[in-house]
Protein backbone atom coordinates (compact mmCIF):
# COMPACT_ATOMS: atom_id res chain seq x y z
CA UNK A 1 -218.40 -169.31 128.35
CA UNK A 2 -214.76 -168.23 128.45
CA UNK A 3 -212.42 -168.80 131.37
CA UNK A 4 -209.28 -166.96 132.45
CA UNK A 5 -206.69 -169.22 134.09
CA UNK A 6 -203.88 -168.16 136.42
CA UNK A 7 -201.94 -171.45 136.18
CA UNK A 8 -198.71 -169.81 135.01
CA UNK A 9 -198.90 -166.78 137.31
CA UNK A 10 -199.59 -168.89 140.39
CA UNK A 11 -196.91 -171.52 139.71
CA UNK A 12 -194.27 -171.28 142.44
CA UNK A 13 -190.55 -171.59 141.82
CA UNK A 14 -189.20 -174.52 143.83
CA UNK A 15 -186.81 -177.17 142.51
CA UNK A 16 -188.13 -178.29 139.09
CA UNK A 17 -191.82 -178.16 138.25
CA UNK A 18 -193.45 -178.95 134.91
CA UNK A 19 -197.14 -178.22 134.28
CA UNK A 20 -199.08 -178.97 131.11
CA UNK A 21 -201.06 -175.78 130.66
CA UNK A 22 -202.82 -176.41 127.37
CA UNK A 23 -202.90 -179.03 124.63
CA UNK A 24 -204.56 -179.41 121.23
CA UNK A 25 -203.84 -181.67 118.26
CA UNK A 26 -201.65 -178.87 116.85
CA UNK A 27 -199.53 -177.89 119.89
CA UNK A 28 -198.84 -178.20 123.59
CA UNK A 29 -197.94 -175.48 126.12
CA UNK A 30 -195.83 -176.37 129.16
CA UNK A 31 -195.02 -174.04 132.04
CA UNK A 32 -191.74 -174.87 133.76
CA UNK A 33 -190.16 -173.42 136.87
CA UNK A 34 -186.59 -174.05 137.93
CA UNK A 35 -185.07 -172.83 141.19
CA UNK A 36 -181.63 -171.16 141.05
CA UNK A 37 -178.93 -173.83 140.90
CA UNK A 38 -181.38 -176.57 139.90
CA UNK A 39 -181.09 -178.63 136.72
CA UNK A 40 -183.69 -180.01 134.35
CA UNK A 41 -181.85 -183.24 133.37
CA UNK A 42 -181.06 -184.15 129.78
CA UNK A 43 -184.10 -185.07 127.70
CA UNK A 44 -185.54 -184.58 124.20
CA UNK A 45 -188.69 -182.99 122.82
CA UNK A 46 -190.93 -185.15 120.62
CA UNK A 47 -191.58 -182.10 118.40
CA UNK A 48 -189.89 -178.93 117.28
CA UNK A 49 -190.22 -176.43 120.12
CA UNK A 50 -189.77 -172.85 121.24
CA UNK A 51 -188.70 -171.87 124.76
CA UNK A 52 -189.77 -168.46 126.09
CA UNK A 53 -188.29 -167.24 129.38
CA UNK A 54 -190.82 -165.27 131.46
CA UNK A 55 -188.71 -164.73 134.59
CA UNK A 56 -185.07 -165.17 135.57
CA UNK A 57 -182.20 -166.55 133.53
CA UNK A 58 -181.20 -170.04 132.38
CA UNK A 59 -178.42 -171.84 130.55
CA UNK A 60 -179.89 -174.03 127.82
CA UNK A 61 -177.36 -176.73 126.86
CA UNK A 62 -177.77 -178.28 123.40
CA UNK A 63 -175.26 -179.98 121.09
CA UNK A 64 -172.44 -179.17 123.53
CA UNK A 65 -173.13 -175.42 123.54
CA UNK A 66 -174.65 -173.48 126.47
CA UNK A 67 -176.99 -170.61 125.52
CA UNK A 68 -177.82 -168.00 128.16
CA UNK A 69 -181.49 -167.09 127.83
CA UNK A 70 -182.98 -164.39 130.01
CA UNK A 71 -186.34 -162.75 130.59
CA UNK A 72 -188.44 -162.07 127.47
CA UNK A 73 -186.04 -163.97 125.18
CA UNK A 74 -186.99 -166.95 123.05
CA UNK A 75 -185.02 -169.93 121.73
CA UNK A 76 -186.09 -172.39 119.03
CA UNK A 77 -184.81 -175.98 118.82
CA UNK A 78 -185.36 -179.12 116.75
CA UNK A 79 -187.21 -182.26 117.83
CA UNK A 80 -185.36 -185.22 119.32
CA UNK A 81 -182.19 -183.22 120.05
CA UNK A 82 -180.84 -183.97 123.55
CA UNK A 83 -180.69 -180.90 125.78
CA UNK A 84 -180.72 -179.89 129.45
CA UNK A 85 -181.36 -176.70 131.40
CA UNK A 86 -179.58 -175.07 134.35
CA UNK A 87 -181.11 -172.18 136.34
CA UNK A 88 -178.77 -169.21 136.84
CA UNK A 89 -181.57 -167.45 138.77
CA UNK A 90 -185.03 -168.56 139.84
CA UNK A 91 -186.68 -169.01 136.46
CA UNK A 92 -190.07 -169.54 134.87
CA UNK A 93 -190.34 -170.40 131.18
CA UNK A 94 -192.76 -171.77 128.63
CA UNK A 95 -192.24 -174.56 126.12
CA UNK A 96 -194.44 -174.33 123.04
CA UNK A 97 -194.34 -177.47 120.94
């Protein structure tokens, strides 16, 4: 039987929250929320990834350049490249890697 999940819709925006929504051998889907003014500290992704903002607006810092990414915009980045995220507004975004 099929199941509909509301994991992303029900995820609240408070501080920094990271939830693994789905994973296969081919890819992983993470749902991340970041409260306005909060920071997701510098880290790297083990694989090439795409970031899709669902709500709010963030600054995505990579290779010394900040990129403003807002609702319904997507950003692609390479594996193992250090980056960090700052919330300009309460934000919810997905990482597909």
